[in-house]
Amino acid sequence: MDMILNSYKKKFSYDILTEGTYLDNGDYVPGSKTTKMLEGALLPLNEKDITFLPGGVYSSKYVKLYTDVLLKENTKILDVETSEVYTIYAYRDYNIIDTYFKRYYMKKEGKING
């Protein structure tokens, strides 16, 4: 990911879950979970980002992640350094700049101290 300054890059992980399936003989084969790593920049929201908030509600739980990894809504993202978990609820493409570069809007899971 060359579009983000190294000083902003952080390491994150996320899981890819596959569904289980039934074989022709009727046996069930459970799905699998694969953990992947990504690098990105985690930043607070600004005034323009508020339009992407669900219901227009704003709190410090909402952040944005810049990365070149394709992710799905409702994906849980783990900040490897802080162990904080975020859930993706929306994204924005930057196709003019780069086909893969995205801005994901996320909500921090759990309680906020303070």
N, C-alpha and C. Protein backbone atom coordinates (compact mmCIF):
# COMPACT_ATOMS: atom_id res chain seq x y z
N MET A 1 0.84 -1.16 0.00
CA MET A 1 0.00 0.00 0.00
C MET A 1 0.89 1.23 0.00
N ASP A 2 1.06 1.83 -1.14
CA ASP A 2 1.97 2.96 -1.28
C ASP A 2 1.26 4.31 -1.14
N MET A 3 -0.06 4.30 -1.00
CA MET A 3 -0.79 5.56 -0.97
C MET A 3 -0.90 6.15 0.43
N ILE A 4 -0.44 5.45 1.44
CA ILE A 4 -0.51 5.93 2.82
C ILE A 4 0.90 6.08 3.37
N LEU A 5 1.15 7.20 4.04
CA LEU A 5 2.45 7.43 4.64
C LEU A 5 2.74 6.36 5.69
N ASN A 6 3.98 5.92 5.76
CA ASN A 6 4.37 4.88 6.71
C ASN A 6 4.05 5.25 8.15
N SER A 7 4.12 6.53 8.48
CA SER A 7 3.86 6.95 9.87
C SER A 7 2.40 6.73 10.27
N TYR A 8 1.48 6.58 9.31
CA TYR A 8 0.07 6.34 9.60
C TYR A 8 -0.31 4.87 9.52
N LYS A 9 0.53 4.04 8.96
CA LYS A 9 0.18 2.64 8.75
C LYS A 9 0.15 1.86 10.07
N LYS A 10 -0.88 1.02 10.18
CA LYS A 10 -1.02 0.11 11.31
C LYS A 10 -1.36 -1.27 10.77
N LYS A 11 -1.15 -2.28 11.59
CA LYS A 11 -1.48 -3.65 11.21
C LYS A 11 -2.83 -4.04 11.81
N PHE A 12 -3.63 -4.68 10.98
CA PHE A 12 -4.96 -5.15 11.37
C PHE A 12 -5.12 -6.59 10.92
N SER A 13 -6.06 -7.27 11.54
CA SER A 13 -6.41 -8.62 11.09
C SER A 13 -7.93 -8.72 10.96
N TYR A 14 -8.36 -9.66 10.13
CA TYR A 14 -9.79 -9.92 9.95
C TYR A 14 -9.96 -11.37 9.56
N ASP A 15 -11.14 -11.90 9.78
CA ASP A 15 -11.42 -13.29 9.47
C ASP A 15 -12.30 -13.40 8.23
N ILE A 16 -12.01 -14.39 7.41
CA ILE A 16 -12.86 -14.75 6.29
C ILE A 16 -13.52 -16.07 6.65
N LEU A 17 -14.85 -16.07 6.69
CA LEU A 17 -15.60 -17.26 7.05
C LEU A 17 -16.23 -17.87 5.81
N THR A 18 -16.11 -19.18 5.66
CA THR A 18 -16.78 -19.87 4.56
C THR A 18 -17.92 -20.68 5.15
N GLU A 19 -18.99 -20.84 4.39
CA GLU A 19 -20.14 -21.59 4.85
C GLU A 19 -19.87 -23.09 4.76
N GLY A 20 -20.53 -23.82 5.61
CA GLY A 20 -20.46 -25.27 5.54
C GLY A 20 -21.28 -25.77 4.36
N THR A 21 -21.12 -27.04 4.03
CA THR A 21 -21.84 -27.62 2.90
C THR A 21 -22.14 -29.08 3.17
N TYR A 22 -23.11 -29.59 2.45
CA TYR A 22 -23.45 -31.02 2.55
C TYR A 22 -22.89 -31.75 1.35
N LEU A 23 -22.28 -32.89 1.59
CA LEU A 23 -21.78 -33.75 0.52
C LEU A 23 -22.93 -34.55 -0.08
N ASP A 24 -22.68 -35.18 -1.22
CA ASP A 24 -23.71 -35.97 -1.89
C ASP A 24 -24.24 -37.09 -1.00
N ASN A 25 -23.41 -37.62 -0.09
CA ASN A 25 -23.84 -38.71 0.78
C ASN A 25 -24.58 -38.20 2.03
N GLY A 26 -24.77 -36.87 2.13
CA GLY A 26 -25.51 -36.29 3.25
C GLY A 26 -24.66 -35.83 4.41
N ASP A 27 -23.35 -36.12 4.38
CA ASP A 27 -22.47 -35.68 5.46
C ASP A 27 -22.25 -34.17 5.37
N TYR A 28 -22.24 -33.55 6.55
CA TYR A 28 -22.02 -32.10 6.61
C TYR A 28 -20.53 -31.81 6.80
N VAL A 29 -20.02 -30.92 6.00
CA VAL A 29 -18.64 -30.45 6.13
C VAL A 29 -18.72 -29.01 6.62
N PRO A 30 -18.23 -28.74 7.85
CA PRO A 30 -18.34 -27.38 8.39
C PRO A 30 -17.49 -26.37 7.60
N GLY A 31 -17.90 -25.13 7.69
CA GLY A 31 -17.15 -24.06 7.05
C GLY A 31 -15.83 -23.84 7.77
N SER A 32 -15.03 -22.96 7.21
CA SER A 32 -13.73 -22.71 7.81
C SER A 32 -13.55 -21.21 8.07
N LYS A 33 -12.56 -20.92 8.90
CA LYS A 33 -12.22 -19.53 9.22
C LYS A 33 -10.75 -19.34 8.92
N THR A 34 -10.46 -18.32 8.10
CA THR A 34 -9.09 -17.97 7.77
C THR A 34 -8.83 -16.55 8.24
N THR A 35 -7.77 -16.34 9.00
CA THR A 35 -7.41 -15.01 9.47
C THR A 35 -6.40 -14.39 8.50
N LYS A 36 -6.70 -13.17 8.05
CA LYS A 36 -5.85 -12.44 7.12
C LYS A 36 -5.33 -11.17 7.79
N MET A 37 -4.21 -10.69 7.32
CA MET A 37 -3.62 -9.45 7.83
C MET A 37 -3.75 -8.36 6.76
N LEU A 38 -3.80 -7.11 7.21
CA LEU A 38 -3.79 -5.97 6.29
C LEU A 38 -3.11 -4.80 6.96
N GLU A 39 -2.67 -3.86 6.15
CA GLU A 39 -2.14 -2.59 6.64
C GLU A 39 -3.08 -1.49 6.22
N GLY A 40 -3.24 -0.51 7.08
CA GLY A 40 -4.10 0.61 6.76
C GLY A 40 -3.86 1.76 7.72
N ALA A 41 -4.58 2.84 7.46
CA ALA A 41 -4.50 4.03 8.30
C ALA A 41 -5.85 4.23 8.97
N LEU A 42 -5.86 4.28 10.29
CA LEU A 42 -7.07 4.48 11.07
C LEU A 42 -7.11 5.94 11.50
N LEU A 43 -8.18 6.64 11.12
CA LEU A 43 -8.29 8.08 11.40
C LEU A 43 -9.67 8.40 11.96
N PRO A 44 -9.79 9.49 12.71
CA PRO A 44 -11.11 9.92 13.17
C PRO A 44 -11.93 10.48 12.00
N LEU A 45 -13.23 10.55 12.19
CA LEU A 45 -14.09 11.12 11.15
C LEU A 45 -13.98 12.64 11.14
N ASN A 46 -14.26 13.21 9.97
CA ASN A 46 -14.35 14.67 9.87
C ASN A 46 -15.80 15.05 9.53
N GLU A 47 -16.06 16.31 9.33
CA GLU A 47 -17.43 16.78 9.09
C GLU A 47 -18.07 16.14 7.86
N LYS A 48 -17.30 15.96 6.79
CA LYS A 48 -17.85 15.35 5.57
C LYS A 48 -18.23 13.89 5.78
N ASP A 49 -17.54 13.21 6.67
CA ASP A 49 -17.80 11.79 6.91
C ASP A 49 -19.12 11.54 7.65
N ILE A 50 -19.64 12.55 8.31
CA ILE A 50 -20.84 12.36 9.13
C ILE A 50 -22.02 11.90 8.29
N THR A 51 -22.06 12.23 7.01
CA THR A 51 -23.16 11.79 6.15
C THR A 51 -23.17 10.28 5.97
N PHE A 52 -22.07 9.61 6.26
CA PHE A 52 -22.00 8.15 6.13
C PHE A 52 -22.37 7.43 7.43
N LEU A 53 -22.66 8.18 8.49
CA LEU A 53 -23.01 7.56 9.77
C LEU A 53 -24.44 7.03 9.72
N PRO A 54 -24.70 5.88 10.33
CA PRO A 54 -26.06 5.37 10.37
C PRO A 54 -26.94 6.25 11.25
N GLY A 55 -28.00 6.78 10.69
CA GLY A 55 -28.92 7.60 11.46
C GLY A 55 -28.40 8.96 11.83
N GLY A 56 -27.25 9.38 11.30
CA GLY A 56 -26.68 10.67 11.59
C GLY A 56 -26.16 10.83 13.00
N VAL A 57 -26.00 9.74 13.72
CA VAL A 57 -25.51 9.78 15.10
C VAL A 57 -23.99 9.81 15.08
N TYR A 58 -23.40 10.67 15.89
CA TYR A 58 -21.94 10.79 15.92
C TYR A 58 -21.42 10.54 17.32
N SER A 59 -20.38 9.72 17.42
CA SER A 59 -19.68 9.54 18.69
C SER A 59 -18.23 9.20 18.37
N SER A 60 -17.42 9.13 19.41
CA SER A 60 -16.00 8.82 19.20
C SER A 60 -15.78 7.36 18.83
N LYS A 61 -16.83 6.54 18.83
CA LYS A 61 -16.72 5.14 18.43
C LYS A 61 -16.53 5.00 16.92
N TYR A 62 -16.88 6.02 16.16
CA TYR A 62 -16.83 5.94 14.71
C TYR A 62 -15.48 6.43 14.18
N VAL A 63 -14.89 5.66 13.29
CA VAL A 63 -13.59 5.98 12.69
C VAL A 63 -13.62 5.58 11.22
N LYS A 64 -12.54 5.90 10.51
CA LYS A 64 -12.42 5.46 9.11
C LYS A 64 -11.07 4.77 8.93
N LEU A 65 -11.06 3.80 8.04
CA LEU A 65 -9.88 3.02 7.72
C LEU A 65 -9.59 3.15 6.24
N TYR A 66 -8.38 3.58 5.91
CA TYR A 66 -7.93 3.62 4.53
C TYR A 66 -7.06 2.40 4.27
N THR A 67 -7.37 1.65 3.22
CA THR A 67 -6.57 0.47 2.87
C THR A 67 -6.84 0.10 1.41
N ASP A 68 -6.01 -0.79 0.88
CA ASP A 68 -6.21 -1.26 -0.49
C ASP A 68 -6.70 -2.71 -0.52
N VAL A 69 -7.23 -3.18 0.62
CA VAL A 69 -7.76 -4.53 0.72
C VAL A 69 -9.28 -4.47 0.58
N LEU A 70 -9.84 -5.33 -0.25
CA LEU A 70 -11.29 -5.37 -0.45
C LEU A 70 -11.94 -6.10 0.72
N LEU A 71 -12.83 -5.41 1.42
CA LEU A 71 -13.50 -5.97 2.59
C LEU A 71 -15.01 -5.83 2.42
N LYS A 72 -15.77 -6.63 3.15
CA LYS A 72 -17.22 -6.60 3.08
C LYS A 72 -17.79 -5.87 4.29
N GLU A 73 -19.02 -5.33 4.13
CA GLU A 73 -19.69 -4.72 5.26
C GLU A 73 -19.89 -5.78 6.35
N ASN A 74 -19.92 -5.34 7.58
CA ASN A 74 -20.06 -6.17 8.78
C ASN A 74 -18.83 -7.02 9.09
N THR A 75 -17.73 -6.82 8.36
CA THR A 75 -16.49 -7.50 8.69
C THR A 75 -15.93 -6.92 9.98
N LYS A 76 -15.48 -7.79 10.87
CA LYS A 76 -14.84 -7.36 12.11
C LYS A 76 -13.35 -7.19 11.85
N ILE A 77 -12.80 -6.03 12.23
CA ILE A 77 -11.40 -5.69 12.05
C ILE A 77 -10.75 -5.56 13.41
N LEU A 78 -9.63 -6.25 13.61
CA LEU A 78 -8.90 -6.20 14.88
C LEU A 78 -7.64 -5.36 14.71
N ASP A 79 -7.49 -4.33 15.53
CA ASP A 79 -6.26 -3.55 15.59
C ASP A 79 -5.25 -4.40 16.35
N VAL A 80 -4.22 -4.88 15.68
CA VAL A 80 -3.27 -5.81 16.27
C VAL A 80 -2.54 -5.17 17.45
N GLU A 81 -2.26 -3.90 17.38
CA GLU A 81 -1.50 -3.20 18.43
C GLU A 81 -2.32 -2.99 19.70
N THR A 82 -3.58 -2.57 19.55
CA THR A 82 -4.39 -2.21 20.72
C THR A 82 -5.42 -3.26 21.10
N SER A 83 -5.63 -4.25 20.25
CA SER A 83 -6.65 -5.31 20.42
C SER A 83 -8.07 -4.77 20.38
N GLU A 84 -8.26 -3.57 19.85
CA GLU A 84 -9.60 -3.02 19.70
C GLU A 84 -10.24 -3.60 18.44
N VAL A 85 -11.55 -3.86 18.53
CA VAL A 85 -12.29 -4.46 17.42
C VAL A 85 -13.25 -3.43 16.84
N TYR A 86 -13.31 -3.37 15.52
CA TYR A 86 -14.18 -2.46 14.78
C TYR A 86 -15.03 -3.27 13.82
N THR A 87 -16.22 -2.75 13.49
CA THR A 87 -17.09 -3.38 12.50
C THR A 87 -17.32 -2.40 11.35
N ILE A 88 -17.13 -2.87 10.13
CA ILE A 88 -17.34 -2.03 8.95
C ILE A 88 -18.83 -1.89 8.70
N TYR A 89 -19.32 -0.65 8.51
CA TYR A 89 -20.72 -0.44 8.20
C TYR A 89 -20.93 0.26 6.86
N ALA A 90 -19.89 0.81 6.26
CA ALA A 90 -20.01 1.45 4.95
C ALA A 90 -18.61 1.64 4.37
N TYR A 91 -18.54 1.93 3.07
CA TYR A 91 -17.24 2.20 2.45
C TYR A 91 -17.41 3.18 1.29
N ARG A 92 -16.30 3.69 0.85
CA ARG A 92 -16.28 4.63 -0.28
C ARG A 92 -15.11 4.28 -1.18
N ASP A 93 -15.39 4.20 -2.48
CA ASP A 93 -14.35 3.87 -3.47
C ASP A 93 -13.54 5.10 -3.85
N TYR A 94 -12.31 4.84 -4.27
CA TYR A 94 -11.45 5.87 -4.86
C TYR A 94 -10.98 5.39 -6.22
N ASN A 95 -11.92 4.97 -7.07
CA ASN A 95 -11.58 4.35 -8.36
C ASN A 95 -10.77 5.26 -9.28
N ILE A 96 -10.94 6.56 -9.17
CA ILE A 96 -10.19 7.48 -10.02
C ILE A 96 -8.71 7.44 -9.64
N ILE A 97 -8.43 7.32 -8.36
CA ILE A 97 -7.05 7.30 -7.88
C ILE A 97 -6.45 5.91 -8.03
N ASP A 98 -7.17 4.91 -7.53
CA ASP A 98 -6.67 3.53 -7.54
C ASP A 98 -7.88 2.59 -7.43
N THR A 99 -7.90 1.55 -8.21
CA THR A 99 -9.03 0.62 -8.23
C THR A 99 -9.28 -0.03 -6.89
N TYR A 100 -8.23 -0.30 -6.13
CA TYR A 100 -8.37 -1.04 -4.89
C TYR A 100 -8.44 -0.18 -3.64
N PHE A 101 -8.08 1.09 -3.73
CA PHE A 101 -8.01 1.95 -2.55
C PHE A 101 -9.42 2.28 -2.07
N LYS A 102 -9.68 2.07 -0.77
CA LYS A 102 -11.00 2.29 -0.20
C LYS A 102 -10.90 3.02 1.13
N ARG A 103 -12.00 3.68 1.46
CA ARG A 103 -12.18 4.27 2.79
C ARG A 103 -13.36 3.53 3.42
N TYR A 104 -13.08 2.84 4.51
CA TYR A 104 -14.11 2.09 5.22
C TYR A 104 -14.51 2.85 6.47
N TYR A 105 -15.82 2.95 6.68
CA TYR A 105 -16.34 3.57 7.88
C TYR A 105 -16.64 2.45 8.87
N MET A 106 -16.13 2.62 10.09
CA MET A 106 -16.24 1.55 11.08
C MET A 106 -16.71 2.09 12.42
N LYS A 107 -17.28 1.18 13.20
CA LYS A 107 -17.69 1.51 14.56
C LYS A 107 -16.90 0.62 15.51
N LYS A 108 -16.33 1.24 16.53
CA LYS A 108 -15.57 0.50 17.55
C LYS A 108 -16.55 -0.29 18.42
N GLU A 109 -16.21 -1.55 18.64
CA GLU A 109 -17.03 -2.43 19.47
C GLU A 109 -16.65 -2.24 20.94
N GLY A 110 -17.59 -2.46 21.82
CA GLY A 110 -17.30 -2.39 23.25
C GLY A 110 -17.46 -0.98 23.79
N LYS A 111 -17.01 -0.84 25.02
CA LYS A 111 -17.13 0.44 25.74
C LYS A 111 -15.99 1.37 25.41
N ILE A 112 -16.27 2.65 25.47
CA ILE A 112 -15.27 3.69 25.31
C ILE A 112 -14.95 4.21 26.71
N ASN A 113 -13.67 4.25 27.05
CA ASN A 113 -13.25 4.78 28.35
C ASN A 113 -13.26 6.29 28.31
N GLY A 114 -13.63 6.89 29.41
CA GLY A 114 -13.52 8.33 29.49
C GLY A 114 -14.70 9.00 29.95
